[in-house]
Amino acid sequence: MHRQTVVSNSTPVPAQAPVTWIGEPPADEEPRVVWQTLTDERVSGYAALVERVAERLFRRDLESVGAVADIGFFQPFYLAHARRLIAALDGTLLRVGRPA
């Protein structure tokens, strides 16, 4: 099932803004990566969460396609994807910048 998500937030999020999971553990793969990063790695700041989620998503895709695909070129784009993913989950499954 494909779900289109449009997220727009012109307010920058401070690097140390707290991030708290407020929902149940998710069934979908990418939200689960965010949840695991928050719970398993105990990441609590926005910038650290973006970096770790981007790295985990990149490593997941690298394992799927293998090193011969030269996916390393695309690694910086995973940061933007992680930011969009976290923004899409804000208010439903997690809370960014506000106490839980």
PDB file of N, CA and C in Angstrom:
ATOM      1  N   MET A   1       0.841  -1.173   0.000  1.00  0.00           N
ATOM      2  CA  MET A   1       0.000   0.000   0.000  1.00  0.00           C
ATOM      3  C   MET A   1       0.889   1.240   0.000  1.00  0.00           C
ATOM      4  N   HIS A   2       0.637   2.141  -0.916  1.00  0.00           N
ATOM      5  CA  HIS A   2       1.419   3.373  -1.004  1.00  0.00           C
ATOM      6  C   HIS A   2       0.631   4.505  -0.365  1.00  0.00           C
ATOM      7  N   ARG A   3       1.263   5.215   0.543  1.00  0.00           N
ATOM      8  CA  ARG A   3       0.627   6.339   1.210  1.00  0.00           C
ATOM      9  C   ARG A   3       1.469   7.563   0.938  1.00  0.00           C
ATOM     10  N   GLN A   4       0.861   8.563   0.334  1.00  0.00           N
ATOM     11  CA  GLN A   4       1.595   9.782   0.035  1.00  0.00           C
ATOM     12  C   GLN A   4       1.526  10.711   1.240  1.00  0.00           C
ATOM     13  N   THR A   5       2.656  11.244   1.631  1.00  0.00           N
ATOM     14  CA  THR A   5       2.729  12.139   2.776  1.00  0.00           C
ATOM     15  C   THR A   5       3.375  13.440   2.345  1.00  0.00           C
ATOM     16  N   VAL A   6       2.736  14.530   2.683  1.00  0.00           N
ATOM     17  CA  VAL A   6       3.304  15.839   2.406  1.00  0.00           C
ATOM     18  C   VAL A   6       3.547  16.509   3.747  1.00  0.00           C
ATOM     19  N   VAL A   7       4.782  16.894   3.974  1.00  0.00           N
ATOM     20  CA  VAL A   7       5.146  17.520   5.239  1.00  0.00           C
ATOM     21  C   VAL A   7       5.845  18.833   4.935  1.00  0.00           C
ATOM     22  N   SER A   8       5.389  19.887   5.564  1.00  0.00           N
ATOM     23  CA  SER A   8       6.042  21.176   5.400  1.00  0.00           C
ATOM     24  C   SER A   8       6.127  21.847   6.759  1.00  0.00           C
ATOM     25  N   ASN A   9       7.331  22.201   7.138  1.00  0.00           N
ATOM     26  CA  ASN A   9       7.539  22.875   8.406  1.00  0.00           C
ATOM     27  C   ASN A   9       8.650  23.890   8.199  1.00  0.00           C
ATOM     28  N   SER A  10       8.278  25.164   8.198  1.00  0.00           N
ATOM     29  CA  SER A  10       9.280  26.198   7.941  1.00  0.00           C
ATOM     30  C   SER A  10      10.073  26.565   9.195  1.00  0.00           C
ATOM     31  N   THR A  11       9.641  26.081  10.350  1.00  0.00           N
ATOM     32  CA  THR A  11      10.340  26.376  11.594  1.00  0.00           C
ATOM     33  C   THR A  11      11.486  25.399  11.788  1.00  0.00           C
ATOM     34  N   PRO A  12      12.721  25.886  11.885  1.00  0.00           N
ATOM     35  CA  PRO A  12      13.840  24.967  12.109  1.00  0.00           C
ATOM     36  C   PRO A  12      13.754  24.334  13.499  1.00  0.00           C
ATOM     37  N   VAL A  13      14.169  23.095  13.579  1.00  0.00           N
ATOM     38  CA  VAL A  13      14.164  22.371  14.849  1.00  0.00           C
ATOM     39  C   VAL A  13      15.559  22.480  15.453  1.00  0.00           C
ATOM     40  N   PRO A  14      15.666  22.942  16.704  1.00  0.00           N
ATOM     41  CA  PRO A  14      16.988  23.019  17.340  1.00  0.00           C
ATOM     42  C   PRO A  14      17.635  21.637  17.436  1.00  0.00           C
ATOM     43  N   ALA A  15      18.936  21.586  17.271  1.00  0.00           N
ATOM     44  CA  ALA A  15      19.662  20.309  17.273  1.00  0.00           C
ATOM     45  C   ALA A  15      19.431  19.511  18.547  1.00  0.00           C
ATOM     46  N   GLN A  16      19.342  20.183  19.683  1.00  0.00           N
ATOM     47  CA  GLN A  16      19.175  19.487  20.959  1.00  0.00           C
ATOM     48  C   GLN A  16      17.718  19.341  21.377  1.00  0.00           C
ATOM     49  N   ALA A  17      16.780  19.662  20.488  1.00  0.00           N
ATOM     50  CA  ALA A  17      15.356  19.526  20.833  1.00  0.00           C
ATOM     51  C   ALA A  17      15.076  18.089  21.259  1.00  0.00           C
ATOM     52  N   PRO A  18      14.359  17.910  22.369  1.00  0.00           N
ATOM     53  CA  PRO A  18      14.067  16.552  22.821  1.00  0.00           C
ATOM     54  C   PRO A  18      13.092  15.853  21.886  1.00  0.00           C
ATOM     55  N   VAL A  19      13.277  14.558  21.731  1.00  0.00           N
ATOM     56  CA  VAL A  19      12.379  13.743  20.919  1.00  0.00           C
ATOM     57  C   VAL A  19      11.916  12.584  21.791  1.00  0.00           C
ATOM     58  N   THR A  20      10.597  12.396  21.865  1.00  0.00           N
ATOM     59  CA  THR A  20      10.013  11.361  22.709  1.00  0.00           C
ATOM     60  C   THR A  20       9.017  10.544  21.905  1.00  0.00           C
ATOM     61  N   TRP A  21       9.087   9.234  22.030  1.00  0.00           N
ATOM     62  CA  TRP A  21       8.114   8.353  21.373  1.00  0.00           C
ATOM     63  C   TRP A  21       6.844   8.365  22.209  1.00  0.00           C
ATOM     64  N   ILE A  22       5.679   8.616  21.583  1.00  0.00           N
ATOM     65  CA  ILE A  22       4.420   8.707  22.323  1.00  0.00           C
ATOM     66  C   ILE A  22       3.405   7.656  21.901  1.00  0.00           C
ATOM     67  N   GLY A  23       3.724   6.876  20.877  1.00  0.00           N
ATOM     68  CA  GLY A  23       2.780   5.881  20.381  1.00  0.00           C
ATOM     69  C   GLY A  23       3.207   4.472  20.728  1.00  0.00           C
ATOM     70  N   GLU A  24       2.484   3.538  20.154  1.00  0.00           N
ATOM     71  CA  GLU A  24       2.820   2.120  20.289  1.00  0.00           C
ATOM     72  C   GLU A  24       3.989   1.804  19.359  1.00  0.00           C
ATOM     73  N   PRO A  25       4.680   0.681  19.587  1.00  0.00           N
ATOM     74  CA  PRO A  25       5.712   0.273  18.624  1.00  0.00           C
ATOM     75  C   PRO A  25       5.072   0.088  17.239  1.00  0.00           C
ATOM     76  N   PRO A  26       5.630   0.698  16.210  1.00  0.00           N
ATOM     77  CA  PRO A  26       5.009   0.663  14.885  1.00  0.00           C
ATOM     78  C   PRO A  26       5.239  -0.651  14.148  1.00  0.00           C
ATOM     79  N   ALA A  27       4.316  -0.961  13.252  1.00  0.00           N
ATOM     80  CA  ALA A  27       4.443  -2.152  12.419  1.00  0.00           C
ATOM     81  C   ALA A  27       5.205  -1.842  11.125  1.00  0.00           C
ATOM     82  N   ASP A  28       5.090  -0.615  10.628  1.00  0.00           N
ATOM     83  CA  ASP A  28       5.753  -0.240   9.376  1.00  0.00           C
ATOM     84  C   ASP A  28       7.261  -0.126   9.578  1.00  0.00           C
ATOM     85  N   GLU A  29       8.002  -0.476   8.527  1.00  0.00           N
ATOM     86  CA  GLU A  29       9.459  -0.593   8.638  1.00  0.00           C
ATOM     87  C   GLU A  29      10.177   0.712   8.993  1.00  0.00           C
ATOM     88  N   GLU A  30       9.924   1.784   8.264  1.00  0.00           N
ATOM     89  CA  GLU A  30      10.684   3.011   8.510  1.00  0.00           C
ATOM     90  C   GLU A  30      10.340   3.660   9.858  1.00  0.00           C
ATOM     91  N   PRO A  31       9.058   3.755  10.233  1.00  0.00           N
ATOM     92  CA  PRO A  31       8.786   4.250  11.594  1.00  0.00           C
ATOM     93  C   PRO A  31       9.418   3.358  12.663  1.00  0.00           C
ATOM     94  N   ARG A  32       9.511   2.061  12.372  1.00  0.00           N
ATOM     95  CA  ARG A  32      10.135   1.146  13.332  1.00  0.00           C
ATOM     96  C   ARG A  32      11.629   1.461  13.503  1.00  0.00           C
ATOM     97  N   VAL A  33      12.288   1.890  12.437  1.00  0.00           N
ATOM     98  CA  VAL A  33      13.699   2.289  12.529  1.00  0.00           C
ATOM     99  C   VAL A  33      13.833   3.480  13.488  1.00  0.00           C
ATOM    100  N   VAL A  34      12.915   4.440  13.385  1.00  0.00           N
ATOM    101  CA  VAL A  34      12.935   5.594  14.292  1.00  0.00           C
ATOM    102  C   VAL A  34      12.708   5.124  15.723  1.00  0.00           C
ATOM    103  N   TRP A  35      11.711   4.287  15.922  1.00  0.00           N
ATOM    104  CA  TRP A  35      11.386   3.768  17.259  1.00  0.00           C
ATOM    105  C   TRP A  35      12.571   3.011  17.861  1.00  0.00           C
ATOM    106  N   GLN A  36      13.190   2.138  17.056  1.00  0.00           N
ATOM    107  CA  GLN A  36      14.335   1.370  17.549  1.00  0.00           C
ATOM    108  C   GLN A  36      15.509   2.284  17.903  1.00  0.00           C
ATOM    109  N   THR A  37      15.709   3.316  17.119  1.00  0.00           N
ATOM    110  CA  THR A  37      16.799   4.247  17.402  1.00  0.00           C
ATOM    111  C   THR A  37      16.559   4.960  18.732  1.00  0.00           C
ATOM    112  N   LEU A  38      15.326   5.364  18.970  1.00  0.00           N
ATOM    113  CA  LEU A  38      15.000   6.035  20.233  1.00  0.00           C
ATOM    114  C   LEU A  38      15.071   5.091  21.425  1.00  0.00           C
ATOM    115  N   THR A  39      14.596   3.869  21.257  1.00  0.00           N
ATOM    116  CA  THR A  39      14.521   2.952  22.401  1.00  0.00           C
ATOM    117  C   THR A  39      15.800   2.144  22.598  1.00  0.00           C
ATOM    118  N   ASP A  40      16.329   1.557  21.535  1.00  0.00           N
ATOM    119  CA  ASP A  40      17.521   0.706  21.658  1.00  0.00           C
ATOM    120  C   ASP A  40      18.795   1.515  21.892  1.00  0.00           C
ATOM    121  N   GLU A  41      18.933   2.606  21.154  1.00  0.00           N
ATOM    122  CA  GLU A  41      20.161   3.404  21.241  1.00  0.00           C
ATOM    123  C   GLU A  41      20.040   4.555  22.231  1.00  0.00           C
ATOM    124  N   ARG A  42      18.853   4.769  22.736  1.00  0.00           N
ATOM    125  CA  ARG A  42      18.585   5.825  23.721  1.00  0.00           C
ATOM    126  C   ARG A  42      18.982   7.217  23.212  1.00  0.00           C
ATOM    127  N   VAL A  43      18.766   7.441  21.934  1.00  0.00           N
ATOM    128  CA  VAL A  43      19.000   8.758  21.344  1.00  0.00           C
ATOM    129  C   VAL A  43      17.829   9.647  21.757  1.00  0.00           C
ATOM    130  N   SER A  44      18.107  10.864  22.205  1.00  0.00           N
ATOM    131  CA  SER A  44      17.006  11.711  22.667  1.00  0.00           C
ATOM    132  C   SER A  44      16.988  13.106  22.042  1.00  0.00           C
ATOM    133  N   GLY A  45      18.046  13.511  21.348  1.00  0.00           N
ATOM    134  CA  GLY A  45      18.093  14.825  20.703  1.00  0.00           C
ATOM    135  C   GLY A  45      17.773  14.722  19.221  1.00  0.00           C
ATOM    136  N   TYR A  46      17.175  15.776  18.675  1.00  0.00           N
ATOM    137  CA  TYR A  46      16.723  15.768  17.287  1.00  0.00           C
ATOM    138  C   TYR A  46      17.861  15.510  16.292  1.00  0.00           C
ATOM    139  N   ALA A  47      18.954  16.260  16.373  1.00  0.00           N
ATOM    140  CA  ALA A  47      20.047  16.110  15.398  1.00  0.00           C
ATOM    141  C   ALA A  47      20.658  14.714  15.451  1.00  0.00           C
ATOM    142  N   ALA A  48      20.865  14.197  16.650  1.00  0.00           N
ATOM    143  CA  ALA A  48      21.428  12.847  16.789  1.00  0.00           C
ATOM    144  C   ALA A  48      20.467  11.807  16.227  1.00  0.00           C
ATOM    145  N   LEU A  49      19.167  12.015  16.439  1.00  0.00           N
ATOM    146  CA  LEU A  49      18.175  11.077  15.906  1.00  0.00           C
ATOM    147  C   LEU A  49      18.189  11.085  14.382  1.00  0.00           C
ATOM    148  N   VAL A  50      18.220  12.266  13.786  1.00  0.00           N
ATOM    149  CA  VAL A  50      18.258  12.369  12.318  1.00  0.00           C
ATOM    150  C   VAL A  50      19.483  11.632  11.777  1.00  0.00           C
ATOM    151  N   GLU A  51      20.645  11.859  12.369  1.00  0.00           N
ATOM    152  CA  GLU A  51      21.874  11.219  11.893  1.00  0.00           C
ATOM    153  C   GLU A  51      21.819   9.702  12.025  1.00  0.00           C
ATOM    154  N   ARG A  52      21.348   9.211  13.159  1.00  0.00           N
ATOM    155  CA  ARG A  52      21.305   7.756  13.388  1.00  0.00           C
ATOM    156  C   ARG A  52      20.255   7.080  12.515  1.00  0.00           C
ATOM    157  N   VAL A  53      19.085   7.699  12.359  1.00  0.00           N
ATOM    158  CA  VAL A  53      18.047   7.119  11.499  1.00  0.00           C
ATOM    159  C   VAL A  53      18.546   7.085  10.060  1.00  0.00           C
ATOM    160  N   ALA A  54      19.163   8.165   9.593  1.00  0.00           N
ATOM    161  CA  ALA A  54      19.704   8.198   8.230  1.00  0.00           C
ATOM    162  C   ALA A  54      20.733   7.091   8.036  1.00  0.00           C
ATOM    163  N   GLU A  55      21.613   6.922   9.003  1.00  0.00           N
ATOM    164  CA  GLU A  55      22.642   5.879   8.911  1.00  0.00           C
ATOM    165  C   GLU A  55      22.016   4.487   8.880  1.00  0.00           C
ATOM    166  N   ARG A  56      21.027   4.249   9.722  1.00  0.00           N
ATOM    167  CA  ARG A  56      20.385   2.926   9.762  1.00  0.00           C
ATOM    168  C   ARG A  56      19.650   2.625   8.452  1.00  0.00           C
ATOM    169  N   LEU A  57      18.965   3.630   7.899  1.00  0.00           N
ATOM    170  CA  LEU A  57      18.263   3.427   6.627  1.00  0.00           C
ATOM    171  C   LEU A  57      19.261   3.179   5.497  1.00  0.00           C
ATOM    172  N   PHE A  58      20.361   3.936   5.497  1.00  0.00           N
ATOM    173  CA  PHE A  58      21.400   3.742   4.487  1.00  0.00           C
ATOM    174  C   PHE A  58      21.983   2.333   4.579  1.00  0.00           C
ATOM    175  N   ARG A  59      22.322   1.887   5.786  1.00  0.00           N
ATOM    176  CA  ARG A  59      22.898   0.545   5.974  1.00  0.00           C
ATOM    177  C   ARG A  59      21.920  -0.538   5.556  1.00  0.00           C
ATOM    178  N   ARG A  60      20.634  -0.335   5.845  1.00  0.00           N
ATOM    179  CA  ARG A  60      19.607  -1.299   5.433  1.00  0.00           C
ATOM    180  C   ARG A  60      19.597  -1.445   3.910  1.00  0.00           C
ATOM    181  N   ASP A  61      19.592  -0.308   3.210  1.00  0.00           N
ATOM    182  CA  ASP A  61      19.559  -0.353   1.748  1.00  0.00           C
ATOM    183  C   ASP A  61      20.860  -0.888   1.174  1.00  0.00           C
ATOM    184  N   LEU A  62      21.972  -0.556   1.786  1.00  0.00           N
ATOM    185  CA  LEU A  62      23.264  -1.061   1.330  1.00  0.00           C
ATOM    186  C   LEU A  62      23.303  -2.582   1.427  1.00  0.00           C
ATOM    187  N   GLU A  63      22.760  -3.132   2.516  1.00  0.00           N
ATOM    188  CA  GLU A  63      22.702  -4.595   2.657  1.00  0.00           C
ATOM    189  C   GLU A  63      21.830  -5.218   1.582  1.00  0.00           C
ATOM    190  N   SER A  64      20.744  -4.545   1.220  1.00  0.00           N
ATOM    191  CA  SER A  64      19.832  -5.098   0.222  1.00  0.00           C
ATOM    192  C   SER A  64      20.418  -5.147  -1.171  1.00  0.00           C
ATOM    193  N   VAL A  65      21.102  -4.068  -1.575  1.00  0.00           N
ATOM    194  CA  VAL A  65      21.597  -4.012  -2.949  1.00  0.00           C
ATOM    195  C   VAL A  65      23.055  -4.404  -3.076  1.00  0.00           C
ATOM    196  N   GLY A  66      23.778  -4.378  -1.993  1.00  0.00           N
ATOM    197  CA  GLY A  66      25.186  -4.755  -2.030  1.00  0.00           C
ATOM    198  C   GLY A  66      26.083  -3.591  -2.389  1.00  0.00           C
ATOM    199  N   ALA A  67      27.335  -3.735  -2.073  1.00  0.00           N
ATOM    200  CA  ALA A  67      28.316  -2.670  -2.283  1.00  0.00           C
ATOM    201  C   ALA A  67      28.551  -2.373  -3.759  1.00  0.00           C
ATOM    202  N   VAL A  68      28.301  -3.339  -4.633  1.00  0.00           N
ATOM    203  CA  VAL A  68      28.553  -3.118  -6.062  1.00  0.00           C
ATOM    204  C   VAL A  68      27.616  -2.078  -6.659  1.00  0.00           C
ATOM    205  N   ALA A  69      26.525  -1.774  -5.987  1.00  0.00           N
ATOM    206  CA  ALA A  69      25.566  -0.803  -6.519  1.00  0.00           C
ATOM    207  C   ALA A  69      26.050   0.636  -6.363  1.00  0.00           C
ATOM    208  N   ASP A  70      27.150   0.844  -5.659  1.00  0.00           N
ATOM    209  CA  ASP A  70      27.710   2.178  -5.445  1.00  0.00           C
ATOM    210  C   ASP A  70      26.674   3.138  -4.865  1.00  0.00           C
ATOM    211  N   ILE A  71      25.928   2.645  -3.895  1.00  0.00           N
ATOM    212  CA  ILE A  71      24.880   3.429  -3.250  1.00  0.00           C
ATOM    213  C   ILE A  71      25.460   4.540  -2.373  1.00  0.00           C
ATOM    214  N   GLY A  72      26.746   4.479  -2.079  1.00  0.00           N
ATOM    215  CA  GLY A  72      27.387   5.483  -1.233  1.00  0.00           C
ATOM    216  C   GLY A  72      27.198   6.904  -1.729  1.00  0.00           C
ATOM    217  N   PHE A  73      27.052   7.076  -3.034  1.00  0.00           N
ATOM    218  CA  PHE A  73      26.807   8.390  -3.613  1.00  0.00           C
ATOM    219  C   PHE A  73      25.556   9.022  -3.018  1.00  0.00           C
ATOM    220  N   PHE A  74      24.560   8.196  -2.689  1.00  0.00           N
ATOM    221  CA  PHE A  74      23.270   8.688  -2.222  1.00  0.00           C
ATOM    222  C   PHE A  74      23.192   8.882  -0.713  1.00  0.00           C
ATOM    223  N   GLN A  75      24.233   8.539   0.018  1.00  0.00           N
ATOM    224  CA  GLN A  75      24.176   8.594   1.482  1.00  0.00           C
ATOM    225  C   GLN A  75      23.726   9.955   2.029  1.00  0.00           C
ATOM    226  N   PRO A  76      24.195  11.093   1.512  1.00  0.00           N
ATOM    227  CA  PRO A  76      23.736  12.382   2.057  1.00  0.00           C
ATOM    228  C   PRO A  76      22.222  12.597   1.932  1.00  0.00           C
ATOM    229  N   PHE A  77      21.602  11.991   0.936  1.00  0.00           N
ATOM    230  CA  PHE A  77      20.161  12.156   0.752  1.00  0.00           C
ATOM    231  C   PHE A  77      19.362  11.471   1.857  1.00  0.00           C
ATOM    232  N   TYR A  78      19.972  10.542   2.549  1.00  0.00           N
ATOM    233  CA  TYR A  78      19.284   9.851   3.637  1.00  0.00           C
ATOM    234  C   TYR A  78      19.022  10.789   4.813  1.00  0.00           C
ATOM    235  N   LEU A  79      19.832  11.813   4.993  1.00  0.00           N
ATOM    236  CA  LEU A  79      19.577  12.797   6.051  1.00  0.00           C
ATOM    237  C   LEU A  79      18.268  13.538   5.794  1.00  0.00           C
ATOM    238  N   ALA A  80      18.052  13.957   4.557  1.00  0.00           N
ATOM    239  CA  ALA A  80      16.801  14.642   4.211  1.00  0.00           C
ATOM    240  C   ALA A  80      15.611  13.708   4.387  1.00  0.00           C
ATOM    241  N   HIS A  81      15.776  12.456   3.993  1.00  0.00           N
ATOM    242  CA  HIS A  81      14.693  11.484   4.149  1.00  0.00           C
ATOM    243  C   HIS A  81      14.386  11.262   5.633  1.00  0.00           C
ATOM    244  N   ALA A  82      15.417  11.168   6.454  1.00  0.00           N
ATOM    245  CA  ALA A  82      15.213  10.974   7.898  1.00  0.00           C
ATOM    246  C   ALA A  82      14.483  12.175   8.498  1.00  0.00           C
ATOM    247  N   ARG A  83      14.850  13.385   8.084  1.00  0.00           N
ATOM    248  CA  ARG A  83      14.153  14.585   8.582  1.00  0.00           C
ATOM    249  C   ARG A  83      12.677  14.561   8.206  1.00  0.00           C
ATOM    250  N   ARG A  84      12.385  14.198   6.946  1.00  0.00           N
ATOM    251  CA  ARG A  84      10.985  14.128   6.502  1.00  0.00           C
ATOM    252  C   ARG A  84      10.218  13.058   7.259  1.00  0.00           C
ATOM    253  N   LEU A  85      10.841  11.914   7.471  1.00  0.00           N
ATOM    254  CA  LEU A  85      10.205  10.814   8.190  1.00  0.00           C
ATOM    255  C   LEU A  85       9.869  11.233   9.619  1.00  0.00           C
ATOM    256  N   ILE A  86      10.812  11.847  10.307  1.00  0.00           N
ATOM    257  CA  ILE A  86      10.591  12.292  11.687  1.00  0.00           C
ATOM    258  C   ILE A  86       9.504  13.367  11.729  1.00  0.00           C
ATOM    259  N   ALA A  87       9.517  14.290  10.771  1.00  0.00           N
ATOM    260  CA  ALA A  87       8.481  15.332  10.717  1.00  0.00           C
ATOM    261  C   ALA A  87       7.098  14.724  10.497  1.00  0.00           C
ATOM    262  N   ALA A  88       7.028  13.694   9.660  1.00  0.00           N
ATOM    263  CA  ALA A  88       5.741  13.043   9.395  1.00  0.00           C
ATOM    264  C   ALA A  88       5.200  12.326  10.630  1.00  0.00           C
ATOM    265  N   LEU A  89       6.081  11.822  11.473  1.00  0.00           N
ATOM    266  CA  LEU A  89       5.663  11.096  12.678  1.00  0.00           C
ATOM    267  C   LEU A  89       5.381  12.030  13.854  1.00  0.00           C
ATOM    268  N   ASP A  90       5.867  13.263  13.778  1.00  0.00           N
ATOM    269  CA  ASP A  90       5.703  14.220  14.877  1.00  0.00           C
ATOM    270  C   ASP A  90       4.222  14.501  15.117  1.00  0.00           C
ATOM    271  N   GLY A  91       3.806  14.293  16.359  1.00  0.00           N
ATOM    272  CA  GLY A  91       2.418  14.546  16.732  1.00  0.00           C
ATOM    273  C   GLY A  91       1.544  13.312  16.722  1.00  0.00           C
ATOM    274  N   THR A  92       1.989  12.262  16.039  1.00  0.00           N
ATOM    275  CA  THR A  92       1.202  11.029  16.016  1.00  0.00           C
ATOM    276  C   THR A  92       1.891   9.914  16.788  1.00  0.00           C
ATOM    277  N   LEU A  93       3.134   9.618  16.431  1.00  0.00           N
ATOM    278  CA  LEU A  93       3.868   8.554  17.108  1.00  0.00           C
ATOM    279  C   LEU A  93       5.029   9.076  17.943  1.00  0.00           C
ATOM    280  N   LEU A  94       5.481  10.276  17.641  1.00  0.00           N
ATOM    281  CA  LEU A  94       6.545  10.858  18.454  1.00  0.00           C
ATOM    282  C   LEU A  94       6.309  12.349  18.613  1.00  0.00           C
ATOM    283  N   ARG A  95       7.027  12.923  19.546  1.00  0.00           N
ATOM    284  CA  ARG A  95       6.906  14.353  19.818  1.00  0.00           C
ATOM    285  C   ARG A  95       8.298  14.961  19.748  1.00  0.00           C
ATOM    286  N   VAL A  96       8.416  16.032  18.955  1.00  0.00           N
ATOM    287  CA  VAL A  96       9.698  16.713  18.779  1.00  0.00           C
ATOM    288  C   VAL A  96       9.629  18.095  19.422  1.00  0.00           C
ATOM    289  N   GLY A  97      10.570  18.364  20.328  1.00  0.00           N
ATOM    290  CA  GLY A  97      10.715  19.693  20.892  1.00  0.00           C
ATOM    291  C   GLY A  97       9.772  20.065  22.008  1.00  0.00           C
ATOM    292  N   ARG A  98       8.923  19.149  22.406  1.00  0.00           N
ATOM    293  CA  ARG A  98       7.984  19.429  23.486  1.00  0.00           C
ATOM    294  C   ARG A  98       7.993  18.265  24.454  1.00  0.00           C
ATOM    295  N   PRO A  99       7.747  18.524  25.723  1.00  0.00           N
ATOM    296  CA  PRO A  99       7.676  17.404  26.673  1.00  0.00           C
ATOM    297  C   PRO A  99       6.519  16.476  26.327  1.00  0.00           C
ATOM    298  N   ALA A 100       6.672  15.204  26.655  1.00  0.00           N
ATOM    299  CA  ALA A 100       5.635  14.207  26.333  1.00  0.00           C
ATOM    300  C   ALA A 100       4.390  14.377  27.149  1.00  0.00           C
TER     301      ALA A 100
END
